C-alpha atoms as a PDB file:
ATOM      1  CA  UNK A   1     -67.073 -32.708  12.629  1.00  0.00           C
ATOM      2  CA  UNK A   2     -66.522 -31.873  16.312  1.00  0.00           C
ATOM      3  CA  UNK A   3     -67.357 -28.795  18.400  1.00  0.00           C
ATOM      4  CA  UNK A   4     -64.442 -28.001  20.730  1.00  0.00           C
ATOM      5  CA  UNK A   5     -64.309 -24.765  22.741  1.00  0.00           C
ATOM      6  CA  UNK A   6     -66.653 -23.002  20.325  1.00  0.00           C
ATOM      7  CA  UNK A   7     -64.797 -24.136  17.212  1.00  0.00           C
ATOM      8  CA  UNK A   8     -65.966 -26.677  14.662  1.00  0.00           C
ATOM      9  CA  UNK A   9     -63.145 -28.987  13.551  1.00  0.00           C
ATOM     10  CA  UNK A  10     -63.427 -30.740  10.180  1.00  0.00           C
ATOM     11  CA  UNK A  11     -60.165 -32.668   9.627  1.00  0.00           C
ATOM     12  CA  UNK A  12     -57.739 -29.986   8.384  1.00  0.00           C
ATOM     13  CA  UNK A  13     -60.223 -27.060   8.640  1.00  0.00           C
ATOM     14  CA  UNK A  14     -61.597 -25.462  11.759  1.00  0.00           C
ATOM     15  CA  UNK A  15     -64.116 -22.653  12.100  1.00  0.00           C
ATOM     16  CA  UNK A  16     -64.722 -20.346  15.056  1.00  0.00           C
ATOM     17  CA  UNK A  17     -68.514 -20.353  15.298  1.00  0.00           C
ATOM     18  CA  UNK A  18     -68.630 -17.149  17.346  1.00  0.00           C
ATOM     19  CA  UNK A  19     -66.784 -15.254  14.579  1.00  0.00           C
ATOM     20  CA  UNK A  20     -68.267 -16.914  11.493  1.00  0.00           C
ATOM     21  CA  UNK A  21     -71.018 -14.815   9.882  1.00  0.00           C
ATOM     22  CA  UNK A  22     -71.983 -17.584   7.457  1.00  0.00           C
ATOM     23  CA  UNK A  23     -71.476 -15.259   4.487  1.00  0.00           C
ATOM     24  CA  UNK A  24     -69.838 -17.873   2.260  1.00  0.00           C
ATOM     25  CA  UNK A  25     -66.841 -15.695   1.354  1.00  0.00           C
ATOM     26  CA  UNK A  26     -64.396 -18.522   2.087  1.00  0.00           C
ATOM     27  CA  UNK A  27     -66.263 -20.998  -0.131  1.00  0.00           C
ATOM     28  CA  UNK A  28     -66.450 -18.485  -2.971  1.00  0.00           C
ATOM     29  CA  UNK A  29     -62.700 -17.816  -2.763  1.00  0.00           C
ATOM     30  CA  UNK A  30     -61.572 -21.447  -2.777  1.00  0.00           C
ATOM     31  CA  UNK A  31     -60.101 -22.131  -6.259  1.00  0.00           C
ATOM     32  CA  UNK A  32     -60.765 -25.868  -5.923  1.00  0.00           C
ATOM     33  CA  UNK A  33     -64.361 -25.571  -4.689  1.00  0.00           C
ATOM     34  CA  UNK A  34     -63.582 -27.544  -1.541  1.00  0.00           C
ATOM     35  CA  UNK A  35     -65.900 -25.684   0.846  1.00  0.00           C
ATOM     36  CA  UNK A  36     -69.671 -25.835   0.972  1.00  0.00           C
ATOM     37  CA  UNK A  37     -71.873 -23.316   2.746  1.00  0.00           C
ATOM     38  CA  UNK A  38     -75.465 -22.145   2.644  1.00  0.00           C
ATOM     39  CA  UNK A  39     -75.095 -18.364   2.962  1.00  0.00           C
ATOM     40  CA  UNK A  40     -76.733 -17.095   6.099  1.00  0.00           C
ATOM     41  CA  UNK A  41     -77.587 -20.576   7.331  1.00  0.00           C
ATOM     42  CA  UNK A  42     -74.523 -22.748   7.871  1.00  0.00           C
ATOM     43  CA  UNK A  43     -70.848 -22.574   8.649  1.00  0.00           C
ATOM     44  CA  UNK A  44     -68.494 -23.787   5.875  1.00  0.00           C
ATOM     45  CA  UNK A  45     -67.972 -27.504   5.532  1.00  0.00           C
ATOM     46  CA  UNK A  46     -65.200 -29.262   3.653  1.00  0.00           C
ATOM     47  CA  UNK A  47     -66.201 -31.724   0.937  1.00  0.00           C
ATOM     48  CA  UNK A  48     -64.950 -35.323   1.206  1.00  0.00           C
ATOM     49  CA  UNK A  49     -61.294 -35.569   0.229  1.00  0.00           C
ATOM     50  CA  UNK A  50     -60.716 -31.836   0.626  1.00  0.00           C
ATOM     51  CA  UNK A  51     -57.602 -32.325   2.721  1.00  0.00           C
ATOM     52  CA  UNK A  52     -55.914 -34.119  -0.177  1.00  0.00           C
ATOM     53  CA  UNK A  53     -57.095 -31.682  -2.837  1.00  0.00           C
ATOM     54  CA  UNK A  54     -56.318 -28.492  -0.906  1.00  0.00           C
ATOM     55  CA  UNK A  55     -53.588 -26.329  -2.511  1.00  0.00           C
ATOM     56  CA  UNK A  56     -52.686 -24.639   0.794  1.00  0.00           C
ATOM     57  CA  UNK A  57     -53.038 -21.322  -1.043  1.00  0.00           C
ATOM     58  CA  UNK A  58     -54.785 -19.575   1.840  1.00  0.00           C
ATOM     59  CA  UNK A  59     -57.488 -17.951  -0.300  1.00  0.00           C
ATOM     60  CA  UNK A  60     -60.215 -19.055   2.092  1.00  0.00           C
ATOM     61  CA  UNK A  61     -58.460 -17.526   5.097  1.00  0.00           C
ATOM     62  CA  UNK A  62     -57.589 -14.273   3.384  1.00  0.00           C
ATOM     63  CA  UNK A  63     -61.110 -13.790   2.002  1.00  0.00           C
ATOM     64  CA  UNK A  64     -62.738 -14.089   5.432  1.00  0.00           C
ATOM     65  CA  UNK A  65     -63.253 -10.559   6.834  1.00  0.00           C
ATOM     66  CA  UNK A  66     -63.968 -11.984  10.265  1.00  0.00           C
ATOM     67  CA  UNK A  67     -60.838 -14.152  10.704  1.00  0.00           C
ATOM     68  CA  UNK A  68     -63.118 -17.054  11.544  1.00  0.00           C
ATOM     69  CA  UNK A  69     -61.299 -20.059  10.110  1.00  0.00           C
ATOM     70  CA  UNK A  70     -57.877 -21.677   9.899  1.00  0.00           C
ATOM     71  CA  UNK A  71     -56.258 -24.751   8.437  1.00  0.00           C
ATOM     72  CA  UNK A  72     -54.142 -27.160  10.393  1.00  0.00           C
ATOM     73  CA  UNK A  73     -51.303 -26.271   7.993  1.00  0.00           C
ATOM     74  CA  UNK A  74     -51.993 -22.526   7.812  1.00  0.00           C
ATOM     75  CA  UNK A  75     -53.107 -20.445  10.777  1.00  0.00           C
ATOM     76  CA  UNK A  76     -55.100 -17.247  10.507  1.00  0.00           C
ATOM     77  CA  UNK A  77     -52.591 -15.494  12.779  1.00  0.00           C
ATOM     78  CA  UNK A  78     -49.825 -16.268  10.259  1.00  0.00           C
ATOM     79  CA  UNK A  79     -51.630 -14.331   7.501  1.00  0.00           C
ATOM     80  CA  UNK A  80     -50.538 -10.682   7.393  1.00  0.00           C
ATOM     81  CA  UNK A  81     -53.460  -8.217   7.350  1.00  0.00           C
ATOM     82  CA  UNK A  82     -53.552  -5.829   4.411  1.00  0.00           C
ATOM     83  CA  UNK A  83     -52.782  -2.183   5.154  1.00  0.00           C
ATOM     84  CA  UNK A  84     -55.074   0.180   3.277  1.00  0.00           C
ATOM     85  CA  UNK A  85     -52.529   2.975   3.517  1.00  0.00           C
ATOM     86  CA  UNK A  86     -50.076   0.886   1.454  1.00  0.00           C
ATOM     87  CA  UNK A  87     -52.486   0.314  -1.428  1.00  0.00           C
ATOM     88  CA  UNK A  88     -50.845   1.125  -4.758  1.00  0.00           C
ATOM     89  CA  UNK A  89     -53.018   2.747  -7.394  1.00  0.00           C
ATOM     90  CA  UNK A  90     -52.732   2.068 -11.107  1.00  0.00           C
ATOM     91  CA  UNK A  91     -50.955   5.375 -11.780  1.00  0.00           C
ATOM     92  CA  UNK A  92     -48.153   4.635  -9.294  1.00  0.00           C
ATOM     93  CA  UNK A  93     -47.875   1.008 -10.425  1.00  0.00           C
ATOM     94  CA  UNK A  94     -47.766   2.069 -14.072  1.00  0.00           C
ATOM     95  CA  UNK A  95     -44.908   4.490 -13.457  1.00  0.00           C
ATOM     96  CA  UNK A  96     -42.912   1.870 -11.560  1.00  0.00           C
ATOM     97  CA  UNK A  97     -43.390  -0.746 -14.271  1.00  0.00           C
ATOM     98  CA  UNK A  98     -42.795   1.609 -17.193  1.00  0.00           C
ATOM     99  CA  UNK A  99     -39.766   3.302 -15.619  1.00  0.00           C
ATOM    100  CA  UNK A 100     -38.056   0.041 -14.667  1.00  0.00           C
ATOM    101  CA  UNK A 101     -34.791  -0.231 -16.588  1.00  0.00           C
ATOM    102  CA  UNK A 102     -32.566  -3.231 -17.260  1.00  0.00           C
ATOM    103  CA  UNK A 103     -29.500  -2.034 -15.373  1.00  0.00           C
ATOM    104  CA  UNK A 104     -26.171  -2.802 -17.046  1.00  0.00           C
ATOM    105  CA  UNK A 105     -23.872  -0.438 -15.159  1.00  0.00           C
ATOM    106  CA  UNK A 106     -23.432  -0.936 -11.440  1.00  0.00           C
ATOM    107  CA  UNK A 107     -21.644   0.750  -8.616  1.00  0.00           C
ATOM    108  CA  UNK A 108     -18.917  -1.492  -7.264  1.00  0.00           C
ATOM    109  CA  UNK A 109     -19.939  -1.524  -3.606  1.00  0.00           C
ATOM    110  CA  UNK A 110     -21.941  -4.563  -2.508  1.00  0.00           C
ATOM    111  CA  UNK A 111     -25.484  -4.428  -1.240  1.00  0.00           C
ATOM    112  CA  UNK A 112     -26.299  -5.238   2.344  1.00  0.00           C
ATOM    113  CA  UNK A 113     -27.386  -8.834   2.695  1.00  0.00           C
ATOM    114  CA  UNK A 114     -30.580  -7.677   4.383  1.00  0.00           C
ATOM    115  CA  UNK A 115     -31.496  -5.739   1.218  1.00  0.00           C
ATOM    116  CA  UNK A 116     -31.243  -8.893  -0.888  1.00  0.00           C
ATOM    117  CA  UNK A 117     -33.149 -10.883   1.721  1.00  0.00           C
ATOM    118  CA  UNK A 118     -35.973  -8.325   1.560  1.00  0.00           C
ATOM    119  CA  UNK A 119     -36.247  -8.826  -2.204  1.00  0.00           C
ATOM    120  CA  UNK A 120     -36.281 -12.613  -1.810  1.00  0.00           C
ATOM    121  CA  UNK A 121     -38.967 -12.251   0.855  1.00  0.00           C
ATOM    122  CA  UNK A 122     -41.146 -10.460  -1.699  1.00  0.00           C
ATOM    123  CA  UNK A 123     -40.299 -12.807  -4.568  1.00  0.00           C
ATOM    124  CA  UNK A 124     -41.348 -15.874  -2.612  1.00  0.00           C
ATOM    125  CA  UNK A 125     -44.942 -14.672  -2.853  1.00  0.00           C
ATOM    126  CA  UNK A 126     -44.900 -14.852  -6.660  1.00  0.00           C
ATOM    127  CA  UNK A 127     -47.606 -17.176  -7.994  1.00  0.00           C
ATOM    128  CA  UNK A 128     -46.754 -20.761  -8.914  1.00  0.00           C
ATOM    129  CA  UNK A 129     -48.824 -23.438 -10.635  1.00  0.00           C
ATOM    130  CA  UNK A 130     -51.045 -25.207  -8.073  1.00  0.00           C
ATOM    131  CA  UNK A 131     -49.095 -23.359  -5.370  1.00  0.00           C
ATOM    132  CA  UNK A 132     -46.270 -25.884  -5.752  1.00  0.00           C
ATOM    133  CA  UNK A 133     -43.591 -23.280  -4.881  1.00  0.00           C
ATOM    134  CA  UNK A 134     -40.818 -25.343  -6.522  1.00  0.00           C
ATOM    135  CA  UNK A 135     -38.023 -22.767  -6.520  1.00  0.00           C
ATOM    136  CA  UNK A 136     -34.806 -22.517  -4.565  1.00  0.00           C
ATOM    137  CA  UNK A 137     -32.355 -19.627  -4.769  1.00  0.00           C
ATOM    138  CA  UNK A 138     -28.620 -19.248  -5.151  1.00  0.00           C
ATOM    139  CA  UNK A 139     -27.283 -15.835  -4.172  1.00  0.00           C
ATOM    140  CA  UNK A 140     -23.795 -15.315  -5.579  1.00  0.00           C
ATOM    141  CA  UNK A 141     -22.857 -12.527  -3.205  1.00  0.00           C
ATOM    142  CA  UNK A 142     -19.101 -12.438  -3.820  1.00  0.00           C
ATOM    143  CA  UNK A 143     -18.279 -10.173  -6.782  1.00  0.00           C
ATOM    144  CA  UNK A 144     -15.120 -12.173  -7.479  1.00  0.00           C
ATOM    145  CA  UNK A 145     -17.206 -15.327  -7.854  1.00  0.00           C
ATOM    146  CA  UNK A 146     -19.607 -13.499 -10.175  1.00  0.00           C
ATOM    147  CA  UNK A 147     -16.575 -12.632 -12.310  1.00  0.00           C
ATOM    148  CA  UNK A 148     -15.477 -16.289 -12.283  1.00  0.00           C
ATOM    149  CA  UNK A 149     -18.914 -17.332 -13.517  1.00  0.00           C
ATOM    150  CA  UNK A 150     -18.711 -14.700 -16.254  1.00  0.00           C
ATOM    151  CA  UNK A 151     -15.376 -16.241 -17.308  1.00  0.00           C
ATOM    152  CA  UNK A 152     -17.142 -19.598 -17.693  1.00  0.00           C
ATOM    153  CA  UNK A 153     -19.706 -17.904 -19.935  1.00  0.00           C
ATOM    154  CA  UNK A 154     -16.863 -16.483 -22.043  1.00  0.00           C
ATOM    155  CA  UNK A 155     -15.281 -19.938 -22.308  1.00  0.00           C
ATOM    156  CA  UNK A 156     -18.629 -21.354 -23.453  1.00  0.00           C
ATOM    157  CA  UNK A 157     -18.843 -18.672 -26.145  1.00  0.00           C
ATOM    158  CA  UNK A 158     -15.323 -19.454 -27.332  1.00  0.00           C
ATOM    159  CA  UNK A 159     -16.294 -23.115 -27.635  1.00  0.00           C
ATOM    160  CA  UNK A 160     -19.437 -22.167 -29.579  1.00  0.00           C
ATOM    161  CA  UNK A 161     -17.303 -20.121 -31.961  1.00  0.00           C
ATOM    162  CA  UNK A 162     -14.917 -23.046 -32.464  1.00  0.00           C
ATOM    163  CA  UNK A 163     -17.899 -25.252 -33.324  1.00  0.00           C
ATOM    164  CA  UNK A 164     -19.278 -22.560 -35.635  1.00  0.00           C
ATOM    165  CA  UNK A 165     -22.572 -23.034 -33.861  1.00  0.00           C
ATOM    166  CA  UNK A 166     -25.394 -20.990 -35.487  1.00  0.00           C
ATOM    167  CA  UNK A 167     -26.109 -19.368 -32.126  1.00  0.00           C
ATOM    168  CA  UNK A 168     -22.601 -17.876 -32.096  1.00  0.00           C
ATOM    169  CA  UNK A 169     -23.292 -15.695 -35.119  1.00  0.00           C
ATOM    170  CA  UNK A 170     -26.814 -14.837 -34.025  1.00  0.00           C
ATOM    171  CA  UNK A 171     -25.598 -13.570 -30.615  1.00  0.00           C
ATOM    172  CA  UNK A 172     -22.462 -11.947 -32.064  1.00  0.00           C
ATOM    173  CA  UNK A 173     -20.293 -13.988 -29.727  1.00  0.00           C
ATOM    174  CA  UNK A 174     -17.109 -13.014 -31.545  1.00  0.00           C
ATOM    175  CA  UNK A 175     -17.589  -9.386 -30.481  1.00  0.00           C
ATOM    176  CA  UNK A 176     -18.539 -10.368 -26.934  1.00  0.00           C
ATOM    177  CA  UNK A 177     -15.459 -12.561 -26.564  1.00  0.00           C
ATOM    178  CA  UNK A 178     -13.126  -9.890 -27.960  1.00  0.00           C
ATOM    179  CA  UNK A 179     -14.597  -7.390 -25.512  1.00  0.00           C
ATOM    180  CA  UNK A 180     -14.163  -9.849 -22.661  1.00  0.00           C
ATOM    181  CA  UNK A 181     -10.542 -10.528 -23.590  1.00  0.00           C
ATOM    182  CA  UNK A 182      -9.960  -6.762 -23.638  1.00  0.00           C
ATOM    183  CA  UNK A 183     -11.117  -6.532 -20.023  1.00  0.00           C
ATOM    184  CA  UNK A 184     -14.735  -5.379 -20.396  1.00  0.00           C
ATOM    185  CA  UNK A 185     -17.528  -7.617 -19.105  1.00  0.00           C
ATOM    186  CA  UNK A 186     -20.605  -7.497 -21.316  1.00  0.00           C
ATOM    187  CA  UNK A 187     -21.662 -10.919 -20.021  1.00  0.00           C
ATOM    188  CA  UNK A 188     -22.465 -10.196 -16.372  1.00  0.00           C
ATOM    189  CA  UNK A 189     -21.706  -6.467 -16.579  1.00  0.00           C
ATOM    190  CA  UNK A 190     -19.334  -6.364 -13.590  1.00  0.00           C
ATOM    191  CA  UNK A 191     -22.408  -6.795 -11.382  1.00  0.00           C
ATOM    192  CA  UNK A 192     -21.558  -7.240  -7.705  1.00  0.00           C
ATOM    193  CA  UNK A 193     -24.176  -9.973  -7.256  1.00  0.00           C
ATOM    194  CA  UNK A 194     -25.981 -12.676  -9.209  1.00  0.00           C
ATOM    195  CA  UNK A 195     -29.332 -14.203  -8.237  1.00  0.00           C
ATOM    196  CA  UNK A 196     -30.088 -17.679  -9.625  1.00  0.00           C
ATOM    197  CA  UNK A 197     -33.493 -19.364  -9.421  1.00  0.00           C
ATOM    198  CA  UNK A 198     -33.103 -23.144  -9.541  1.00  0.00           C
ATOM    199  CA  UNK A 199     -35.376 -26.138  -9.196  1.00  0.00           C
ATOM    200  CA  UNK A 200     -35.505 -29.820 -10.136  1.00  0.00           C
ATOM    201  CA  UNK A 201     -35.080 -30.283 -13.884  1.00  0.00           C
ATOM    202  CA  UNK A 202     -38.041 -32.669 -13.978  1.00  0.00           C
ATOM    203  CA  UNK A 203     -40.492 -30.214 -12.390  1.00  0.00           C
ATOM    204  CA  UNK A 204     -42.847 -28.987 -15.152  1.00  0.00           C
ATOM    205  CA  UNK A 205     -43.895 -25.965 -13.060  1.00  0.00           C
ATOM    206  CA  UNK A 206     -40.335 -24.704 -12.551  1.00  0.00           C
ATOM    207  CA  UNK A 207     -39.602 -22.714 -15.748  1.00  0.00           C
ATOM    208  CA  UNK A 208     -42.717 -20.546 -15.546  1.00  0.00           C
ATOM    209  CA  UNK A 209     -42.416 -20.237 -11.768  1.00  0.00           C
ATOM    210  CA  UNK A 210     -38.839 -18.992 -12.103  1.00  0.00           C
ATOM    211  CA  UNK A 211     -39.777 -16.430 -14.749  1.00  0.00           C
ATOM    212  CA  UNK A 212     -42.609 -15.059 -12.610  1.00  0.00           C
ATOM    213  CA  UNK A 213     -40.533 -15.027  -9.402  1.00  0.00           C
ATOM    214  CA  UNK A 214     -37.525 -13.373 -11.041  1.00  0.00           C
ATOM    215  CA  UNK A 215     -39.792 -10.766 -12.603  1.00  0.00           C
ATOM    216  CA  UNK A 216     -41.283 -10.103  -9.171  1.00  0.00           C
ATOM    217  CA  UNK A 217     -37.759  -9.835  -7.747  1.00  0.00           C
ATOM    218  CA  UNK A 218     -36.721  -7.399 -10.479  1.00  0.00           C
ATOM    219  CA  UNK A 219     -39.746  -5.133  -9.947  1.00  0.00           C
ATOM    220  CA  UNK A 220     -39.179  -5.175  -6.198  1.00  0.00           C
ATOM    221  CA  UNK A 221     -35.546  -4.204  -6.791  1.00  0.00           C
ATOM    222  CA  UNK A 222     -36.653  -1.213  -8.876  1.00  0.00           C
ATOM    223  CA  UNK A 223     -39.075  -0.155  -6.132  1.00  0.00           C
ATOM    224  CA  UNK A 224     -36.187  -0.299  -3.650  1.00  0.00           C
ATOM    225  CA  UNK A 225     -33.985   1.904  -5.841  1.00  0.00           C
ATOM    226  CA  UNK A 226     -31.776  -1.036  -6.816  1.00  0.00           C
ATOM    227  CA  UNK A 227     -30.955  -2.339 -10.270  1.00  0.00           C
ATOM    228  CA  UNK A 228     -31.290  -5.735 -11.908  1.00  0.00           C
ATOM    229  CA  UNK A 229     -30.936  -7.213 -15.378  1.00  0.00           C
ATOM    230  CA  UNK A 230     -31.747 -10.621 -16.791  1.00  0.00           C
ATOM    231  CA  UNK A 231     -28.566 -12.644 -17.241  1.00  0.00           C
ATOM    232  CA  UNK A 232     -29.493 -14.199 -20.571  1.00  0.00           C
ATOM    233  CA  UNK A 233     -25.989 -15.183 -21.687  1.00  0.00           C
ATOM    234  CA  UNK A 234     -25.384 -16.790 -18.317  1.00  0.00           C
ATOM    235  CA  UNK A 235     -28.636 -18.748 -18.489  1.00  0.00           C
ATOM    236  CA  UNK A 236     -27.861 -20.109 -21.959  1.00  0.00           C
ATOM    237  CA  UNK A 237     -24.405 -21.179 -20.835  1.00  0.00           C
ATOM    238  CA  UNK A 238     -25.756 -22.721 -17.636  1.00  0.00           C
ATOM    239  CA  UNK A 239     -27.891 -25.040 -19.740  1.00  0.00           C
ATOM    240  CA  UNK A 240     -25.087 -26.103 -22.087  1.00  0.00           C
ATOM    241  CA  UNK A 241     -21.635 -25.693 -20.492  1.00  0.00           C
ATOM    242  CA  UNK A 242     -20.660 -28.393 -18.017  1.00  0.00           C
ATOM    243  CA  UNK A 243     -17.804 -26.425 -16.365  1.00  0.00           C
ATOM    244  CA  UNK A 244     -20.300 -23.682 -15.468  1.00  0.00           C
ATOM    245  CA  UNK A 245     -22.756 -26.236 -14.152  1.00  0.00           C
ATOM    246  CA  UNK A 246     -20.035 -27.679 -11.927  1.00  0.00           C
ATOM    247  CA  UNK A 247     -19.051 -24.218 -10.721  1.00  0.00           C
ATOM    248  CA  UNK A 248     -22.654 -23.495  -9.722  1.00  0.00           C
ATOM    249  CA  UNK A 249     -22.751 -26.725  -7.704  1.00  0.00           C
ATOM    250  CA  UNK A 250     -26.536 -26.790  -7.488  1.00  0.00           C
ATOM    251  CA  UNK A 251     -28.298 -29.590  -5.597  1.00  0.00           C
ATOM    252  CA  UNK A 252     -28.496 -32.938  -7.367  1.00  0.00           C
ATOM    253  CA  UNK A 253     -31.090 -32.859 -10.122  1.00  0.00           C
ATOM    254  CA  UNK A 254     -31.491 -29.073 -10.037  1.00  0.00           C
ATOM    255  CA  UNK A 255     -30.817 -26.723 -12.927  1.00  0.00           C
ATOM    256  CA  UNK A 256     -30.842 -22.965 -13.298  1.00  0.00           C
ATOM    257  CA  UNK A 257     -34.156 -21.691 -14.618  1.00  0.00           C
ATOM    258  CA  UNK A 258     -33.127 -18.044 -14.787  1.00  0.00           C
ATOM    259  CA  UNK A 259     -30.809 -15.466 -13.258  1.00  0.00           C
ATOM    260  CA  UNK A 260     -30.569 -11.752 -12.555  1.00  0.00           C
ATOM    261  CA  UNK A 261     -27.596  -9.464 -12.181  1.00  0.00           C
ATOM    262  CA  UNK A 262     -28.083  -7.236  -9.147  1.00  0.00           C
ATOM    263  CA  UNK A 263     -26.505  -4.148  -7.664  1.00  0.00           C
ATOM    264  CA  UNK A 264     -26.824  -0.418  -7.163  1.00  0.00           C
ATOM    265  CA  UNK A 265     -27.364   1.465 -10.448  1.00  0.00           C
ATOM    266  CA  UNK A 266     -24.493   3.665 -11.581  1.00  0.00           C
ATOM    267  CA  UNK A 267     -26.815   5.647 -13.869  1.00  0.00           C
ATOM    268  CA  UNK A 268     -29.960   7.557 -12.894  1.00  0.00           C
ATOM    269  CA  UNK A 269     -32.902   7.807 -15.277  1.00  0.00           C
ATOM    270  CA  UNK A 270     -35.316  10.727 -15.560  1.00  0.00           C
ATOM    271  CA  UNK A 271     -37.736   9.721 -18.318  1.00  0.00           C
ATOM    272  CA  UNK A 272     -39.702   6.807 -19.708  1.00  0.00           C
ATOM    273  CA  UNK A 273     -38.773   5.915 -23.311  1.00  0.00           C
ATOM    274  CA  UNK A 274     -41.527   5.071 -25.734  1.00  0.00           C
ATOM    275  CA  UNK A 275     -42.353   1.530 -26.783  1.00  0.00           C
ATOM    276  CA  UNK A 276     -44.325   0.254 -29.754  1.00  0.00           C
ATOM    277  CA  UNK A 277     -48.081   0.044 -29.393  1.00  0.00           C
ATOM    278  CA  UNK A 278     -49.467  -3.348 -28.342  1.00  0.00           C
ATOM    279  CA  UNK A 279     -50.466  -5.696 -31.139  1.00  0.00           C
ATOM    280  CA  UNK A 280     -53.870  -6.866 -29.916  1.00  0.00           C
ATOM    281  CA  UNK A 281     -56.571  -9.118 -31.323  1.00  0.00           C
ATOM    282  CA  UNK A 282     -59.976  -8.817 -29.634  1.00  0.00           C
ATOM    283  CA  UNK A 283     -62.449 -11.639 -29.929  1.00  0.00           C
END
């Protein structure tokens, strides 16, 4: 550990001694227990091997009220201060979450790219196992290409019907295909955009990470007055239908782990429908 210009440097961690109040908040926040401190007596010290074990989650930085420490890989000045005036109470959050609808009718005009980028900016903060952040994104912005992908889903369903696959009857694919052939898209709902979360197939963190990130994206879209809906038929086809996989042209080794239709809602909602009571076991 070295003292340089009033800051103690410990490999990847450095502490500003003039700011540090020795309160131990950083050590308490670290999910891996990598910092040691005697409250009121010493500045935080990293345990041996901490640099290798660190998740780069930033908990230690964000829990320090005095902005007294940084990592070599994450600077205090890069962490955005919380704004108290933007705090969301439970009542507001509950209304947003309960009033969120799966949007299946969209206005035809495209969104501004900056609107989609803002949603991705929020979704990238979704939690991931061990902060691995394994996801990449494919934004199918062109509505014509979304329609082409929907056609691949229809072709997959036709093949499933030919095989008499059990899933075909369960998902009523015969009705969906007839509707598609008649010119109505119940597969991707004539959505102007499609958002695909993809990651390496071998990454065990990817499926859950994609579900959490896409859910975050969907809630952010609702907060922005936009509409999204999980593209379940698309996701099933993307895992089974090679022509669709080729059309997606994802990076080598990557697969789709989930997708959302996205656009501006064509229908406005004024109420929250009821849902069944939670089935809970307390122990």
